[in-house]
Amino acid sequence: MLKIAKVCLITISAVVMAACSTTNSIPYKASTSNVITIQNNLKASNKKVTLGTFSMASGVTEDLMCRLMGPVKVAPGKTMSTFIKEAFQEELFLAQAYDSDAPVKIEGVIEKMSFSSVSPANWELSMRVSSNKSPGYSV
């Protein structure tokens, strides 16, 4: 009985310790498809945009956990809203559609963010995108 208790204690300790690691994602890389779409939509008007505030809606948390792995860090050292803003900026810049002095300022609010590591694993994200020229929409 004592041997079984020791084996159980060691197994539980190993599982608890293994669950403490952090999962980091691959750094973001601009999508060629997105860059081409931005160019095609803004080319004719030669319009440029800038980015304003990107934030999390009230009640939305960035504390995502992966079962048996611990916290999921999408962008280590950055908030999710900063990560998304920088991704937008990278794609707009590569499409030559970004200008920090542009009259159109795009903003975003992350309305929902959830993650499940249970099969089938998935992410669920919802963001309200708007500008000083449009009330915007949720995606």
Foldseek 3Di string as FASTA:
>chain_A
DVVVVVVVVVVVVVLVVQQAAEAEDDQDDADPVLLVVVLVVCVVVVAAEEEDEEEEDPPEDQAAGAPSHGGYDHDPPDGPRVSVNVNVVVSSVSSVRYDNPGPKYKYKYWHYWYWYNPPVTDIDTKMFIAIPVGNGGID
